[in-house]
Protein backbone atom coordinates (compact mmCIF):
# COMPACT_ATOMS: atom_id res chain seq x y z
CA MET A 1 101.08 185.12 78.17
CA THR A 2 104.44 184.40 79.79
CA ASN A 3 107.49 182.51 78.60
CA SER A 4 107.79 180.37 81.72
CA TYR A 5 105.74 177.52 83.16
CA GLU A 6 102.60 178.45 85.09
CA SER A 7 100.81 175.83 87.16
CA PRO A 8 97.28 175.17 85.86
CA PHE A 9 96.21 175.06 89.51
CA CYS A 10 96.94 178.77 89.66
CA THR A 11 95.72 179.84 86.24
CA ARG A 12 92.70 177.56 85.78
CA TYR A 13 91.59 175.55 88.78
CA ALA A 14 92.29 176.46 92.42
CA SER A 15 90.68 179.39 94.24
CA LYS A 16 92.63 182.53 95.14
CA GLU A 17 91.89 181.71 98.77
CA MET A 18 93.64 178.35 98.62
CA GLN A 19 96.45 179.73 96.49
CA TYR A 20 97.15 182.35 99.15
CA ILE A 21 97.40 179.69 101.87
CA PHE A 22 100.29 178.11 99.95
CA SER A 23 101.84 181.43 98.89
CA ALA A 24 105.21 182.88 99.82
CA ASP A 25 103.50 185.70 101.75
CA LYS A 26 101.57 183.26 103.92
CA LYS A 27 104.65 181.12 104.49
CA PHE A 28 107.12 183.83 105.41
CA THR A 29 104.76 185.98 107.47
CA THR A 30 103.95 182.82 109.42
CA TRP A 31 107.66 182.25 109.96
CA ARG A 32 107.84 185.74 111.42
CA ARG A 33 104.78 185.21 113.62
CA LEU A 34 106.49 182.10 114.98
CA TRP A 35 109.66 184.07 115.69
CA VAL A 36 107.54 186.64 117.51
CA ALA A 37 105.82 183.90 119.52
CA LEU A 38 109.18 182.36 120.40
CA ALA A 39 110.66 185.68 121.52
CA ARG A 40 107.56 186.62 123.53
CA ALA A 41 107.49 183.24 125.30
CA GLU A 42 111.23 183.39 126.04
CA MET A 43 110.81 186.92 127.45
CA LYS A 44 107.93 185.80 129.69
CA LEU A 45 110.07 182.93 130.98
CA GLY A 46 112.94 185.18 131.99
CA LEU A 47 115.40 185.24 129.10
CA PRO A 48 117.08 188.64 128.40
CA ILE A 49 114.57 189.78 125.77
CA THR A 50 112.73 193.09 126.07
CA GLN A 51 109.20 194.12 125.21
CA GLU A 52 110.69 196.68 122.86
CA GLN A 53 112.39 193.92 120.88
CA VAL A 54 109.20 191.87 120.70
CA ASP A 55 107.23 194.91 119.58
CA GLU A 56 109.77 195.64 116.85
CA LEU A 57 109.51 192.08 115.56
CA GLU A 58 105.72 192.24 115.63
CA ALA A 59 105.62 195.56 113.78
CA ASN A 60 107.65 194.14 110.90
CA ILE A 61 105.91 190.81 110.30
CA GLU A 62 104.71 191.85 106.84
CA ASN A 63 107.70 194.04 106.00
CA ILE A 64 109.52 191.39 103.96
CA ASP A 65 112.27 192.38 101.52
CA TYR A 66 112.08 189.41 99.17
CA GLU A 67 114.89 190.73 96.98
CA MET A 68 117.26 190.80 99.96
CA ALA A 69 116.08 187.34 101.08
CA ALA A 70 116.82 185.91 97.63
CA LYS A 71 120.32 187.44 97.61
CA GLU A 72 120.99 186.12 101.11
CA GLU A 73 119.81 182.62 100.23
CA LYS A 74 122.04 182.56 97.16
CA LEU A 75 124.93 183.56 99.39
CA VAL A 76 124.36 181.28 102.40
CA ARG A 77 122.43 178.45 100.64
CA HIS A 78 119.99 178.28 103.55
CA ASP A 79 116.45 179.64 103.28
CA VAL A 80 115.81 180.03 107.01
CA MET A 81 119.06 181.87 107.74
CA ALA A 82 118.48 184.08 104.70
CA HIS A 83 115.16 185.16 106.24
CA VAL A 84 116.67 185.52 109.71
CA HIS A 85 119.16 188.01 108.23
CA THR A 86 116.42 189.74 106.23
CA TYR A 87 114.19 190.05 109.30
CA GLY A 88 117.12 191.35 111.35
CA ALA A 89 117.83 194.04 108.79
CA CYS A 90 114.46 195.70 109.47
CA CYS A 91 114.55 194.94 113.21
CA PRO A 92 117.94 196.24 114.37
CA LYS A 93 117.03 196.20 118.07
CA ALA A 94 115.79 192.61 117.95
CA LYS A 95 118.31 191.30 115.43
CA GLY A 96 120.37 189.45 118.03
CA ILE A 97 117.49 187.43 119.56
CA ILE A 98 115.66 186.25 116.42
CA HIS A 99 115.47 182.41 116.24
CA LEU A 100 117.06 182.07 119.71
CA GLY A 101 117.53 178.39 120.56
CA ALA A 102 115.57 177.23 117.52
CA THR A 103 116.43 175.08 114.54
CA SER A 104 115.16 175.57 111.01
CA CYS A 105 112.25 173.19 111.49
CA TYR A 106 110.92 175.43 114.24
CA VAL A 107 109.68 177.83 111.58
CA GLY A 108 109.52 175.40 108.64
CA ASP A 109 107.57 172.55 110.21
CA ASN A 110 105.36 174.62 112.48
CA THR A 111 104.42 176.74 109.46
CA ASP A 112 103.60 173.63 107.44
CA VAL A 113 101.26 172.46 110.20
CA ILE A 114 99.59 175.88 110.38
CA ILE A 115 99.17 176.00 106.61
CA MET A 116 97.64 172.51 106.51
CA ARG A 117 95.27 173.45 109.33
CA ASP A 118 94.12 176.57 107.50
CA ALA A 119 93.77 174.67 104.22
CA LEU A 120 91.79 171.87 105.90
CA ARG A 121 89.37 174.48 107.23
CA VAL A 122 88.75 175.73 103.69
CA VAL A 123 88.21 172.18 102.44
CA ARG A 124 85.83 171.52 105.34
CA ARG A 125 83.77 174.61 104.56
CA LYS A 126 83.43 173.77 100.89
CA LEU A 127 82.67 170.11 101.59
CA ILE A 128 79.82 171.10 103.92
CA ASN A 129 78.44 173.42 101.24
CA VAL A 130 78.42 170.57 98.72
CA LEU A 131 76.55 168.44 101.27
CA ALA A 132 74.05 171.24 101.82
CA GLN A 133 73.26 171.53 98.12
CA LEU A 134 72.99 167.77 97.66
CA ALA A 135 70.73 167.61 100.74
CA LYS A 136 68.33 170.09 99.16
CA PHE A 137 68.41 168.14 95.90
CA ALA A 138 67.85 164.79 97.63
CA ASP A 139 64.89 166.14 99.55
CA GLU A 140 63.28 167.60 96.43
CA HIS A 141 63.62 164.35 94.48
CA LYS A 142 63.30 161.77 97.25
CA SER A 143 60.11 160.24 95.82
CA GLN A 144 60.94 160.44 92.11
CA PRO A 145 61.33 156.87 90.78
CA CYS A 146 64.25 156.16 88.49
CA LEU A 147 66.15 153.16 87.25
CA ALA A 148 68.80 151.81 89.57
CA TYR A 149 71.74 149.93 88.13
CA THR A 150 73.89 147.01 89.14
CA HIS A 151 76.77 146.17 86.76
CA CYS A 152 75.52 149.26 84.86
CA GLN A 153 72.50 147.18 83.88
CA PRO A 154 68.94 148.20 84.88
CA ALA A 155 67.96 146.78 88.28
CA GLN A 156 65.11 147.40 90.72
CA LEU A 157 64.01 151.01 90.95
CA THR A 158 65.39 153.61 93.32
CA THR A 159 64.69 157.36 93.42
CA VAL A 160 66.66 160.32 92.15
CA GLY A 161 66.95 161.62 95.71
CA LYS A 162 68.01 158.28 97.17
CA ARG A 163 70.87 158.07 94.68
CA ALA A 164 72.02 161.53 95.81
CA THR A 165 72.27 160.22 99.38
CA LEU A 166 74.79 157.65 98.16
CA TRP A 167 77.01 160.49 96.98
CA MET A 168 76.42 162.34 100.24
CA ASN A 169 77.17 159.35 102.45
CA GLU A 170 80.66 159.02 101.01
CA LEU A 171 81.28 162.73 101.43
CA LEU A 172 80.00 162.43 105.00
CA MET A 173 82.59 159.74 105.65
CA ASP A 174 85.21 162.10 104.27
CA LEU A 175 83.98 164.92 106.50
CA ASP A 176 84.27 162.68 109.56
CA GLU A 177 87.84 161.85 108.57
CA LEU A 178 88.65 165.50 107.93
CA GLU A 179 87.27 166.49 111.33
CA TYR A 180 89.53 163.89 112.92
CA ARG A 181 92.56 165.26 111.09
CA LEU A 182 91.79 168.79 112.24
CA LYS A 183 91.15 167.73 115.82
CA SER A 184 94.31 165.66 116.10
CA LEU A 185 96.65 168.13 114.37
CA LYS A 186 99.40 169.32 116.72
CA LEU A 187 102.13 171.91 116.41
CA LEU A 188 105.74 170.65 116.38
CA GLY A 189 106.64 173.17 119.07
CA SER A 190 110.26 173.95 119.93
CA LYS A 191 112.07 170.61 119.90
CA GLY A 192 115.56 171.57 118.73
CA THR A 193 117.87 169.93 116.21
CA THR A 194 117.21 166.28 117.06
CA GLY A 195 114.09 166.64 119.13
CA THR A 196 115.82 166.61 122.52
CA GLN A 197 115.42 170.34 123.25
CA ALA A 198 119.11 170.46 124.21
CA SER A 199 119.49 174.11 123.15
CA PHE A 200 116.63 175.11 125.45
CA VAL A 201 118.10 173.11 128.31
CA GLU A 202 121.16 175.34 127.88
CA LEU A 203 119.11 178.54 127.62
CA PHE A 204 116.94 177.81 130.66
CA GLY A 205 119.64 176.26 132.81
CA GLY A 206 118.02 172.84 132.78
CA ASP A 207 114.60 174.07 133.98
CA SER A 208 112.28 171.51 132.32
CA GLU A 209 109.13 173.24 133.49
CA LYS A 210 110.11 176.43 131.69
CA ILE A 211 111.00 174.46 128.56
CA LYS A 212 107.57 172.79 128.56
CA LYS A 213 105.88 176.11 129.31
CA LEU A 214 107.72 177.64 126.35
CA GLU A 215 106.02 175.19 124.01
CA SER A 216 102.58 175.69 125.50
CA LEU A 217 102.89 179.47 125.17
CA ILE A 218 103.91 179.18 121.52
CA ALA A 219 101.11 176.71 120.78
CA GLU A 220 98.54 178.95 122.42
CA GLU A 221 99.67 182.00 120.45
CA MET A 222 99.49 180.04 117.18
CA GLY A 223 96.02 178.68 117.95
CA PHE A 224 96.81 175.09 118.98
CA ASP A 225 95.89 173.14 122.09
CA SER A 226 99.07 171.09 122.16
CA VAL A 227 102.35 170.14 120.55
CA VAL A 228 103.54 166.72 119.44
CA PRO A 229 104.68 164.64 122.44
CA VAL A 230 107.98 163.49 120.89
CA SER A 231 109.79 164.13 117.64
CA GLY A 232 113.10 164.06 115.88
CA GLN A 233 113.97 167.30 114.19
CA THR A 234 110.62 167.31 112.36
CA TYR A 235 107.05 166.34 113.10
CA SER A 236 106.35 162.84 111.84
CA ARG A 237 105.75 162.80 108.11
CA LYS A 238 102.94 160.35 108.79
CA VAL A 239 100.92 163.50 109.53
CA ASP A 240 101.27 164.49 105.86
CA THR A 241 100.44 160.93 104.84
CA GLY A 242 97.20 160.98 106.82
CA ILE A 243 96.11 164.41 105.64
CA VAL A 244 96.81 163.78 101.96
CA SER A 245 95.10 160.39 102.24
CA THR A 246 92.02 162.18 103.54
CA LEU A 247 92.21 164.54 100.56
CA GLY A 248 92.57 161.52 98.27
CA ALA A 249 89.43 160.02 99.81
CA ILE A 250 87.50 163.23 99.10
CA ALA A 251 88.77 163.05 95.52
CA ALA A 252 87.55 159.44 95.24
CA SER A 253 84.07 160.39 96.48
CA ALA A 254 83.99 163.29 94.03
CA MET A 255 85.01 160.98 91.21
CA LYS A 256 82.16 158.59 92.06
CA PHE A 257 79.73 161.53 91.85
CA SER A 258 81.19 162.89 88.62
CA ASN A 259 81.27 159.50 86.88
CA ASP A 260 77.63 158.88 87.81
CA MET A 261 76.76 162.32 86.45
CA ARG A 262 78.58 161.62 83.20
CA LEU A 263 76.62 158.39 82.75
CA LEU A 264 73.30 160.02 83.66
CA GLN A 265 73.98 162.81 81.19
CA SER A 266 74.67 160.17 78.55
CA PHE A 267 71.30 158.59 79.42
CA LYS A 268 69.73 162.07 79.15
CA GLU A 269 68.26 161.64 82.65
CA MET A 270 70.27 164.36 84.41
CA GLU A 271 72.63 167.09 83.36
CA GLU A 272 75.18 169.40 84.89
CA PRO A 273 74.60 173.15 84.40
CA PHE A 274 75.21 174.40 80.87
CA GLU A 275 75.83 178.09 80.22
CA LYS A 276 73.88 179.91 77.53
CA THR A 277 77.04 180.71 75.55
CA GLN A 278 78.89 177.47 76.34
CA ILE A 279 80.18 175.45 73.38
CA GLY A 280 80.07 171.68 73.77
CA SER A 281 82.17 170.79 70.72
CA SER A 282 84.13 172.74 68.12
CA ALA A 283 82.76 170.41 65.43
CA MET A 284 79.39 169.22 66.72
CA ALA A 285 77.34 172.29 67.60
CA TYR A 286 74.51 170.30 69.20
CA LYS A 287 76.68 168.68 71.88
CA ARG A 288 76.29 169.31 75.63
CA ASN A 289 79.33 167.59 77.06
CA PRO A 290 79.62 167.01 80.84
CA MET A 291 82.88 168.95 80.90
CA ARG A 292 82.73 169.96 84.56
CA SER A 293 82.11 166.42 85.74
CA GLU A 294 84.89 165.25 83.45
CA ARG A 295 87.21 167.81 85.04
CA ILE A 296 86.31 166.53 88.51
CA THR A 297 87.22 163.03 87.38
CA SER A 298 90.47 164.24 85.87
CA LEU A 299 91.61 166.24 88.90
CA ALA A 300 90.48 163.50 91.29
CA ARG A 301 92.70 161.00 89.48
CA TYR A 302 95.67 163.30 90.02
CA VAL A 303 95.00 163.78 93.74
CA MET A 304 94.39 160.07 94.35
CA VAL A 305 97.72 159.15 92.76
CA ASP A 306 99.43 161.95 94.71
CA THR A 307 98.60 160.18 97.99
CA LEU A 308 101.58 157.89 97.35
CA ASN A 309 104.07 160.75 97.66
CA PRO A 310 103.72 161.50 101.41
CA ALA A 311 103.59 157.78 102.19
CA PHE A 312 106.95 157.17 100.49
CA THR A 313 108.35 160.31 102.11
CA SER A 314 107.24 159.16 105.55
CA GLY A 315 108.81 155.75 105.09
CA THR A 316 112.20 157.12 104.03
CA GLN A 317 112.87 159.50 106.92
CA TRP A 318 116.06 158.04 108.38
CA PHE A 319 116.43 158.31 112.15
CA GLU A 320 115.79 161.87 113.38
CA ARG A 321 115.38 163.32 109.85
CA THR A 322 116.68 163.48 106.29
CA LEU A 323 116.12 166.20 103.73
CA ASP A 324 114.73 164.01 100.95
CA ASP A 325 111.28 165.04 102.19
CA SER A 326 111.55 168.74 101.41
CA ALA A 327 111.34 169.02 97.62
CA ASN A 328 108.65 166.35 97.35
CA LYS A 329 106.66 167.62 100.32
CA ARG A 330 106.37 171.20 99.18
CA ILE A 331 104.88 170.02 95.87
CA SER A 332 102.78 167.01 96.82
CA VAL A 333 101.02 168.44 99.88
CA ALA A 334 100.31 171.79 98.26
CA GLU A 335 99.00 170.27 95.04
CA ALA A 336 96.78 167.80 96.90
CA PHE A 337 95.08 170.73 98.59
CA LEU A 338 94.94 172.82 95.41
CA GLY A 339 93.48 169.84 93.55
CA VAL A 340 90.77 169.13 96.12
CA ASP A 341 89.98 172.83 96.34
CA ALA A 342 89.43 172.87 92.57
CA ILE A 343 87.32 169.72 92.74
CA LEU A 344 85.07 171.14 95.45
CA ASN A 345 84.73 174.45 93.60
CA ILE A 346 83.38 172.55 90.61
CA MET A 347 81.15 170.39 92.80
CA ILE A 348 79.63 173.48 94.42
CA ASN A 349 78.98 174.84 90.93
CA VAL A 350 77.50 171.59 89.58
CA THR A 351 75.39 170.57 92.59
CA GLY A 352 73.91 174.05 92.75
CA GLY A 353 72.38 173.69 89.29
CA LEU A 354 71.66 170.02 88.61
CA VAL A 355 69.09 169.51 85.86
CA VAL A 356 66.63 166.57 86.05
CA TYR A 357 64.69 165.44 82.98
CA ASP A 358 61.55 163.94 84.49
CA LYS A 359 60.00 162.68 81.27
CA MET A 360 63.14 160.94 80.09
CA ILE A 361 63.56 159.29 83.49
CA GLU A 362 59.93 158.13 83.39
CA ARG A 363 60.30 156.84 79.85
CA ARG A 364 63.37 154.81 80.73
CA VAL A 365 61.64 153.45 83.83
CA MET A 366 58.58 152.36 81.87
CA ASN A 367 60.74 150.64 79.25
CA GLU A 368 62.23 148.41 81.93
CA LEU A 369 59.42 148.20 84.50
CA PRO A 370 57.57 145.29 82.83
CA PHE A 371 60.55 143.03 83.50
CA MET A 372 60.79 144.19 87.11
CA ALA A 373 57.06 143.77 87.67
CA THR A 374 56.92 140.16 86.56
CA GLU A 375 56.94 138.74 90.09
CA ASN A 376 54.07 141.02 91.14
CA ILE A 377 52.16 140.02 88.01
CA MET A 378 52.76 136.34 88.69
CA MET A 379 51.59 136.66 92.31
CA GLU A 380 48.40 138.40 91.16
CA ALA A 381 47.68 135.55 88.74
CA VAL A 382 48.34 132.91 91.42
CA LYS A 383 45.80 134.64 93.68
CA LYS A 384 43.23 134.03 90.94
CA GLY A 385 44.00 130.32 90.82
CA GLY A 386 46.94 130.12 88.42
CA ASP A 387 49.80 127.61 88.68
CA ARG A 388 52.93 129.40 89.85
CA GLN A 389 55.38 127.16 87.93
CA GLU A 390 53.45 127.33 84.65
CA LEU A 391 53.07 131.08 84.99
CA HIS A 392 56.80 131.45 85.69
CA GLU A 393 57.72 129.54 82.55
CA LYS A 394 55.28 131.56 80.44
CA ILE A 395 56.64 134.84 81.80
CA ARG A 396 60.16 133.66 81.01
CA GLN A 397 59.19 132.94 77.40
CA TYR A 398 57.38 136.27 77.00
CA SER A 399 60.31 138.13 78.59
CA MET A 400 62.68 136.64 76.02
CA GLN A 401 60.33 137.66 73.20
CA ALA A 402 59.93 141.19 74.54
CA GLY A 403 63.65 141.54 75.14
CA ALA A 404 64.45 140.44 71.58
CA ARG A 405 61.85 142.88 70.23
CA VAL A 406 63.52 145.76 72.11
CA LYS A 407 67.13 144.87 71.32
CA SER A 408 66.90 143.31 67.86
CA GLU A 409 64.07 145.34 66.34
CA GLY A 410 64.33 148.63 68.30
CA LEU A 411 60.66 148.48 69.27
CA ASP A 412 58.89 149.18 72.55
CA ASN A 413 58.71 146.63 75.36
CA ASN A 414 55.42 144.75 74.83
CA LEU A 415 55.71 142.28 77.72
CA CYS A 416 52.64 143.63 79.50
CA GLU A 417 50.59 143.38 76.33
CA LEU A 418 51.62 139.74 75.81
CA ILE A 419 50.60 138.89 79.38
CA VAL A 420 47.25 140.70 79.25
CA ASN A 421 46.40 138.88 76.01
CA ASP A 422 47.13 135.45 77.52
CA PRO A 423 44.08 133.99 79.32
CA MET A 424 46.39 131.94 81.58
CA PHE A 425 47.14 135.11 83.60
CA MET A 426 43.53 136.23 84.04
CA ILE A 427 44.70 139.88 84.28
CA THR A 428 42.86 142.80 82.68
CA LYS A 429 44.52 145.87 81.22
CA GLU A 430 43.14 147.95 84.10
CA GLU A 431 44.66 145.52 86.63
CA MET A 432 47.96 145.61 84.76
CA ASP A 433 47.95 149.43 84.82
CA SER A 434 47.44 149.36 88.60
CA ILE A 435 50.47 147.09 88.95
CA MET A 436 52.65 149.14 86.60
CA LYS A 437 53.07 152.17 88.84
CA PRO A 438 56.74 153.04 89.41
CA GLU A 439 56.12 154.36 92.94
CA LEU A 440 55.18 150.81 94.01
CA PHE A 441 58.70 149.58 93.24
CA ILE A 442 60.94 152.06 95.11
CA GLY A 443 60.83 150.36 98.51
CA ARG A 444 61.73 152.68 101.40
CA SER A 445 63.74 155.08 99.24
CA ALA A 446 61.86 158.23 100.25
CA GLU A 447 61.86 157.25 103.93
CA GLN A 448 65.58 156.48 103.77
CA VAL A 449 66.25 159.94 102.37
CA ASP A 450 64.24 161.56 105.18
CA GLU A 451 66.01 159.50 107.84
CA PHE A 452 69.46 160.16 106.40
CA LEU A 453 68.91 163.91 106.19
CA THR A 454 67.20 164.21 109.57
CA GLU A 455 69.58 162.05 111.56
CA LEU A 456 72.95 162.71 109.93
CA ILE A 457 73.03 165.71 107.58
CA ASN A 458 70.71 168.33 109.04
CA PRO A 459 72.53 168.48 112.42
CA ILE A 460 75.77 169.24 110.56
CA LEU A 461 74.12 171.91 108.44
CA GLU A 462 72.48 173.49 111.48
CA ALA A 463 75.77 173.57 113.39
CA ASN A 464 77.49 175.18 110.40
CA LYS A 465 74.74 177.47 109.08
CA ASP A 466 77.06 180.47 109.22
CA ILE A 467 79.23 179.04 106.42
CA LEU A 468 76.46 177.87 104.08
CA ASN A 469 75.21 179.33 100.80
CA GLU A 470 78.68 179.57 99.30
CA THR A 471 78.98 179.91 95.54
CA ALA A 472 81.98 179.01 93.48
CA GLU A 473 83.04 180.67 90.27
CA ILE A 474 85.04 178.44 87.98
CA ASN A 475 87.45 180.06 85.55
CA VAL A 476 86.90 177.80 82.53
């Protein structure tokens, strides 16, 4: 235990992989890689920088004296200059050309873009693994009838697998959005203090082609196809707004899944995995609480609310930039990613071990099926010469009786028995049994599952088979 605050994202929820992406080591080594890229590009374009200087910078990317950097920042009150001085201390030959022509956002903003790109790739991988596990589950249970619900009241039947495709379809929408964010993400480049590249005009004697080439060389070295076309000092904070909104959408889809799971576990139809030594309640030893699904809901709520932060930040960037973005940005963007990472870790864990209670599902279906089968029963009686309007009224009366018996007396639904015993319907017990088959009431559910998986999901899984079969260990 420590005597200072520790983020639960680090101690309980987010993966080490995602934590590293938002770590000081990742941030400051990326700053140094950007300084190397800048120096290398400037050397190639004719500025007085030597290969020896570039090599020295490159050799010391991970040689960061954090104690010196902290002392420097306390002295100069500027994080970038503190690290320029710290880098220069271990690169005496290159000290004089570090950060040449750049402003602080050259390292700060470009690093933020790189970090978000790397974090989006992790989210993408985990999201696809969730889809893969749900696809397997949907296929296995595509023909298994179960109650569907509208208004959380029993409605016409669906199947266990078809319901899983509803969860998947929302996650698929999120994946499409995430792919767009990754594809459209651009580096800030080297734009200077107000985005005019004035310092580089001075360095390159007004040679615009060299200035543009400088940016393309930096982008290429950092793994980007392009840089933003125009900017102030920073890249537009609408980029953060879009990315965190995408994360919020993933959180919303996860919440839909987890809330459905919590209800299904309450109905005793489905259950999330439960460890042999897991305790459901400190008081009630028999309990099997849906704690993982509850945690998904809880974390999703946090991420969804967090989407407001980048939007407000984007809207309050005066002119070419203000600094009211910095403190908020470094918390809200990081925690949105850490939150979604934690959510997807739990979803991988839960979807990899979903438990289905066939008999309970069948029992609940059969308790409600007589009501849903009334139109089929009525049509069968009409075929034998019955009056449709009289039959309808009789079914209505019997339905009220059966419903009262179930709700007021806690007895079984006896609607079918009432109908079979009424000569008006001319239906035998054997004929009633042939009508009361759940598989006759699921419509195209199984076909819809096959079509959805074949046309939309399987191509994604095939294209990404090298990243499948991921497991996620959750800490608590």
